[in-house]
Amino acid sequence: MRKKVRRTYTREFKGEAVRLANESSLPMAQVARQLGIHRNMLANWRKELVQLGDKAFPGDSVVPAAENELEKLRQEVMLLRQERDVLKKALAIISREQV
């Protein structure tokens, strides 16, 4: 038996989908179909946005482990680049002194 995977949508996607449905001259069902979601889902997002405003679609405040790892690696790359640049400058200075 195949396990069903639940799709998740970002806050930005939900907001943009609702904006598109509100501004479009197309029926909400057709907008939902074009976005690859069910019309009831889009209707629920619209209802939530109207009721809660900016507090709609809170999502998880927990950052996935992969994003944490990516941020650590980016910081490490930045540090290594700085160290590389310092070593290049030191090598240039040492090379000039020996000539």
N, C-alpha and C. Protein backbone atom coordinates (compact mmCIF):
# COMPACT_ATOMS: atom_id res chain seq x y z
N MET A 1 0.83 -1.18 0.00
CA MET A 1 0.00 0.00 0.00
C MET A 1 0.88 1.25 0.00
N ARG A 2 0.57 2.18 -0.86
CA ARG A 2 1.37 3.38 -1.03
C ARG A 2 0.95 4.45 -0.02
N LYS A 3 1.93 5.06 0.63
CA LYS A 3 1.65 6.09 1.61
C LYS A 3 1.38 7.41 0.89
N LYS A 4 0.32 8.08 1.28
CA LYS A 4 -0.06 9.34 0.65
C LYS A 4 0.76 10.47 1.26
N VAL A 5 1.37 11.27 0.41
CA VAL A 5 2.19 12.39 0.87
C VAL A 5 1.35 13.65 0.90
N ARG A 6 1.35 14.31 2.02
CA ARG A 6 0.59 15.56 2.16
C ARG A 6 1.45 16.72 1.69
N ARG A 7 0.93 17.48 0.75
CA ARG A 7 1.66 18.63 0.23
C ARG A 7 1.49 19.83 1.16
N THR A 8 2.52 20.62 1.27
CA THR A 8 2.43 21.84 2.07
C THR A 8 2.71 23.03 1.16
N TYR A 9 2.13 24.15 1.52
CA TYR A 9 2.27 25.35 0.72
C TYR A 9 2.79 26.48 1.61
N THR A 10 3.61 27.32 1.04
CA THR A 10 4.16 28.44 1.79
C THR A 10 3.11 29.52 1.98
N ARG A 11 3.38 30.37 2.94
CA ARG A 11 2.49 31.50 3.21
C ARG A 11 2.39 32.39 1.96
N GLU A 12 3.52 32.58 1.30
CA GLU A 12 3.55 33.43 0.10
C GLU A 12 2.68 32.84 -1.01
N PHE A 13 2.78 31.52 -1.19
CA PHE A 13 1.98 30.86 -2.22
C PHE A 13 0.50 31.04 -1.94
N LYS A 14 0.10 30.82 -0.69
CA LYS A 14 -1.31 30.95 -0.33
C LYS A 14 -1.81 32.37 -0.56
N GLY A 15 -1.03 33.34 -0.11
CA GLY A 15 -1.42 34.74 -0.29
C GLY A 15 -1.53 35.12 -1.75
N GLU A 16 -0.56 34.67 -2.54
CA GLU A 16 -0.57 34.97 -3.97
C GLU A 16 -1.74 34.28 -4.66
N ALA A 17 -2.06 33.06 -4.25
CA ALA A 17 -3.19 32.34 -4.84
C ALA A 17 -4.49 33.07 -4.55
N VAL A 18 -4.67 33.53 -3.33
CA VAL A 18 -5.88 34.27 -2.97
C VAL A 18 -5.95 35.58 -3.74
N ARG A 19 -4.82 36.28 -3.84
CA ARG A 19 -4.79 37.54 -4.59
C ARG A 19 -5.17 37.31 -6.05
N LEU A 20 -4.62 36.25 -6.63
CA LEU A 20 -4.91 35.92 -8.02
C LEU A 20 -6.40 35.60 -8.20
N ALA A 21 -6.95 34.85 -7.27
CA ALA A 21 -8.38 34.49 -7.36
C ALA A 21 -9.25 35.74 -7.22
N ASN A 22 -8.86 36.66 -6.36
CA ASN A 22 -9.65 37.88 -6.15
C ASN A 22 -9.57 38.82 -7.35
N GLU A 23 -8.41 38.92 -7.96
CA GLU A 23 -8.22 39.89 -9.04
C GLU A 23 -8.57 39.34 -10.42
N SER A 24 -8.65 38.03 -10.53
CA SER A 24 -8.90 37.41 -11.82
C SER A 24 -10.38 37.46 -12.18
N SER A 25 -10.64 37.54 -13.46
CA SER A 25 -12.04 37.49 -13.92
C SER A 25 -12.50 36.05 -14.08
N LEU A 26 -11.57 35.10 -13.89
CA LEU A 26 -11.90 33.68 -14.01
C LEU A 26 -12.60 33.19 -12.75
N PRO A 27 -13.40 32.14 -12.87
CA PRO A 27 -14.02 31.54 -11.67
C PRO A 27 -12.94 30.97 -10.74
N MET A 28 -13.23 30.97 -9.45
CA MET A 28 -12.26 30.49 -8.47
C MET A 28 -11.87 29.04 -8.74
N ALA A 29 -12.79 28.23 -9.19
CA ALA A 29 -12.50 26.83 -9.49
C ALA A 29 -11.45 26.72 -10.59
N GLN A 30 -11.53 27.58 -11.59
CA GLN A 30 -10.57 27.53 -12.69
C GLN A 30 -9.19 28.03 -12.24
N VAL A 31 -9.16 29.06 -11.40
CA VAL A 31 -7.88 29.55 -10.87
C VAL A 31 -7.23 28.44 -10.04
N ALA A 32 -8.02 27.78 -9.21
CA ALA A 32 -7.51 26.69 -8.37
C ALA A 32 -6.95 25.56 -9.24
N ARG A 33 -7.68 25.22 -10.28
CA ARG A 33 -7.23 24.16 -11.19
C ARG A 33 -5.90 24.53 -11.83
N GLN A 34 -5.75 25.78 -12.25
CA GLN A 34 -4.50 26.23 -12.87
C GLN A 34 -3.33 26.18 -11.88
N LEU A 35 -3.63 26.39 -10.61
CA LEU A 35 -2.59 26.34 -9.58
C LEU A 35 -2.32 24.92 -9.10
N GLY A 36 -3.16 23.99 -9.50
CA GLY A 36 -2.97 22.60 -9.10
C GLY A 36 -3.46 22.29 -7.70
N ILE A 37 -4.47 23.05 -7.25
CA ILE A 37 -5.04 22.82 -5.93
C ILE A 37 -6.55 22.67 -6.08
N HIS A 38 -7.20 22.18 -5.03
CA HIS A 38 -8.65 22.01 -5.04
C HIS A 38 -9.31 23.35 -4.74
N ARG A 39 -10.46 23.58 -5.35
CA ARG A 39 -11.14 24.87 -5.18
C ARG A 39 -11.53 25.12 -3.73
N ASN A 40 -11.85 24.06 -2.99
CA ASN A 40 -12.20 24.23 -1.58
C ASN A 40 -11.01 24.72 -0.77
N MET A 41 -9.82 24.27 -1.14
CA MET A 41 -8.61 24.72 -0.45
C MET A 41 -8.42 26.22 -0.66
N LEU A 42 -8.60 26.66 -1.89
CA LEU A 42 -8.46 28.08 -2.20
C LEU A 42 -9.53 28.89 -1.47
N ALA A 43 -10.74 28.37 -1.42
CA ALA A 43 -11.83 29.05 -0.70
C ALA A 43 -11.51 29.16 0.79
N ASN A 44 -10.94 28.09 1.35
CA ASN A 44 -10.57 28.13 2.77
C ASN A 44 -9.46 29.14 3.03
N TRP A 45 -8.50 29.22 2.12
CA TRP A 45 -7.41 30.19 2.26
C TRP A 45 -7.97 31.61 2.20
N ARG A 46 -8.90 31.84 1.29
CA ARG A 46 -9.50 33.17 1.15
C ARG A 46 -10.25 33.54 2.43
N LYS A 47 -11.01 32.58 2.94
CA LYS A 47 -11.79 32.81 4.17
C LYS A 47 -10.85 33.11 5.34
N GLU A 48 -9.77 32.35 5.45
CA GLU A 48 -8.81 32.57 6.53
C GLU A 48 -8.15 33.94 6.42
N LEU A 49 -7.82 34.34 5.21
CA LEU A 49 -7.18 35.64 5.00
C LEU A 49 -8.13 36.78 5.36
N VAL A 50 -9.41 36.64 5.02
CA VAL A 50 -10.39 37.67 5.35
C VAL A 50 -10.58 37.75 6.86
N GLN A 51 -10.65 36.61 7.53
CA GLN A 51 -10.91 36.59 8.97
C GLN A 51 -9.70 37.04 9.79
N LEU A 52 -8.50 36.58 9.40
CA LEU A 52 -7.32 36.81 10.24
C LEU A 52 -6.36 37.88 9.72
N GLY A 53 -6.51 38.28 8.50
CA GLY A 53 -5.64 39.31 7.95
C GLY A 53 -4.18 38.88 7.93
N ASP A 54 -3.31 39.70 8.51
CA ASP A 54 -1.86 39.42 8.51
C ASP A 54 -1.50 38.18 9.32
N LYS A 55 -2.37 37.78 10.22
CA LYS A 55 -2.07 36.61 11.05
C LYS A 55 -2.46 35.29 10.37
N ALA A 56 -2.99 35.38 9.17
CA ALA A 56 -3.38 34.18 8.43
C ALA A 56 -2.15 33.41 8.00
N PHE A 57 -2.28 32.13 7.86
CA PHE A 57 -1.23 31.23 7.40
C PHE A 57 0.04 31.31 8.26
N PRO A 58 -0.06 31.05 9.55
CA PRO A 58 1.13 31.17 10.38
C PRO A 58 2.21 30.16 10.04
N GLY A 59 1.82 28.96 9.63
CA GLY A 59 2.80 27.94 9.27
C GLY A 59 3.63 27.52 10.46
N ASP A 60 4.65 26.75 10.18
CA ASP A 60 5.55 26.30 11.23
C ASP A 60 6.63 27.34 11.43
N SER A 61 6.89 27.65 12.68
CA SER A 61 7.99 28.57 12.97
C SER A 61 9.30 27.81 13.07
N VAL A 62 9.22 26.50 13.01
CA VAL A 62 10.40 25.67 13.11
C VAL A 62 11.06 25.59 11.73
N VAL A 63 12.34 25.90 11.69
CA VAL A 63 13.09 25.84 10.44
C VAL A 63 13.57 24.41 10.25
N PRO A 64 13.34 23.83 9.09
CA PRO A 64 13.79 22.46 8.86
C PRO A 64 15.30 22.32 9.04
N ALA A 65 15.73 21.13 9.41
CA ALA A 65 17.14 20.87 9.66
C ALA A 65 18.00 21.16 8.43
N ALA A 66 17.49 20.89 7.26
CA ALA A 66 18.24 21.14 6.03
C ALA A 66 18.54 22.63 5.87
N GLU A 67 17.59 23.48 6.23
CA GLU A 67 17.82 24.92 6.12
C GLU A 67 18.85 25.39 7.13
N ASN A 68 18.81 24.81 8.34
CA ASN A 68 19.82 25.14 9.35
C ASN A 68 21.20 24.75 8.86
N GLU A 69 21.31 23.56 8.31
CA GLU A 69 22.59 23.07 7.80
C GLU A 69 23.08 23.96 6.66
N LEU A 70 22.18 24.37 5.79
CA LEU A 70 22.55 25.24 4.67
C LEU A 70 23.08 26.57 5.19
N GLU A 71 22.45 27.14 6.19
CA GLU A 71 22.91 28.40 6.75
C GLU A 71 24.29 28.26 7.38
N LYS A 72 24.53 27.17 8.10
CA LYS A 72 25.85 26.92 8.68
C LYS A 72 26.91 26.81 7.60
N LEU A 73 26.58 26.10 6.53
CA LEU A 73 27.54 25.94 5.44
C LEU A 73 27.83 27.26 4.74
N ARG A 74 26.84 28.09 4.59
CA ARG A 74 27.05 29.41 3.97
C ARG A 74 27.97 30.26 4.83
N GLN A 75 27.77 30.22 6.14
CA GLN A 75 28.64 30.97 7.04
C GLN A 75 30.08 30.45 6.97
N GLU A 76 30.22 29.13 6.90
CA GLU A 76 31.55 28.53 6.81
C GLU A 76 32.24 28.92 5.51
N VAL A 77 31.50 28.92 4.42
CA VAL A 77 32.06 29.33 3.13
C VAL A 77 32.54 30.77 3.19
N MET A 78 31.74 31.65 3.80
CA MET A 78 32.12 33.05 3.93
C MET A 78 33.42 33.19 4.73
N LEU A 79 33.52 32.46 5.83
CA LEU A 79 34.72 32.50 6.65
C LEU A 79 35.93 31.99 5.89
N LEU A 80 35.76 30.89 5.17
CA LEU A 80 36.87 30.32 4.40
C LEU A 80 37.32 31.27 3.29
N ARG A 81 36.40 31.97 2.67
CA ARG A 81 36.77 32.94 1.64
C ARG A 81 37.57 34.09 2.25
N GLN A 82 37.16 34.55 3.42
CA GLN A 82 37.91 35.61 4.09
C GLN A 82 39.32 35.15 4.43
N GLU A 83 39.44 33.94 4.94
CA GLU A 83 40.77 33.39 5.28
C GLU A 83 41.62 33.26 4.02
N ARG A 84 41.03 32.81 2.93
CA ARG A 84 41.75 32.67 1.67
C ARG A 84 42.28 34.02 1.20
N ASP A 85 41.44 35.05 1.29
CA ASP A 85 41.84 36.38 0.85
C ASP A 85 43.00 36.91 1.69
N VAL A 86 42.95 36.68 2.99
CA VAL A 86 44.05 37.11 3.88
C VAL A 86 45.34 36.39 3.51
N LEU A 87 45.25 35.10 3.25
CA LEU A 87 46.44 34.33 2.88
C LEU A 87 47.01 34.80 1.54
N LYS A 88 46.16 35.13 0.61
CA LYS A 88 46.63 35.65 -0.68
C LYS A 88 47.40 36.95 -0.50
N LYS A 89 46.87 37.84 0.34
CA LYS A 89 47.53 39.12 0.59
C LYS A 89 48.86 38.90 1.29
N ALA A 90 48.87 37.98 2.26
CA ALA A 90 50.12 37.69 2.98
C ALA A 90 51.16 37.12 2.03
N LEU A 91 50.76 36.25 1.13
CA LEU A 91 51.68 35.67 0.15
C LEU A 91 52.23 36.75 -0.77
N ALA A 92 51.40 37.70 -1.18
CA ALA A 92 51.84 38.78 -2.04
C ALA A 92 52.87 39.64 -1.32
N ILE A 93 52.64 39.93 -0.05
CA ILE A 93 53.58 40.74 0.74
C ILE A 93 54.91 40.02 0.90
N ILE A 94 54.86 38.75 1.24
CA ILE A 94 56.08 37.95 1.41
C ILE A 94 56.84 37.85 0.10
N SER A 95 56.14 37.69 -0.99
CA SER A 95 56.79 37.58 -2.30
C SER A 95 57.51 38.88 -2.67
N ARG A 96 56.94 40.03 -2.36
CA ARG A 96 57.57 41.32 -2.66
C ARG A 96 58.82 41.53 -1.82
N GLU A 97 58.81 41.08 -0.56
CA GLU A 97 59.95 41.26 0.32
C GLU A 97 61.14 40.42 -0.11
N GLN A 98 60.91 39.27 -0.73
CA GLN A 98 61.99 38.38 -1.12
C GLN A 98 62.65 38.82 -2.42
N VAL A 99 62.02 39.67 -3.17
CA VAL A 99 62.58 40.07 -4.47
C VAL A 99 63.56 41.19 -4.32
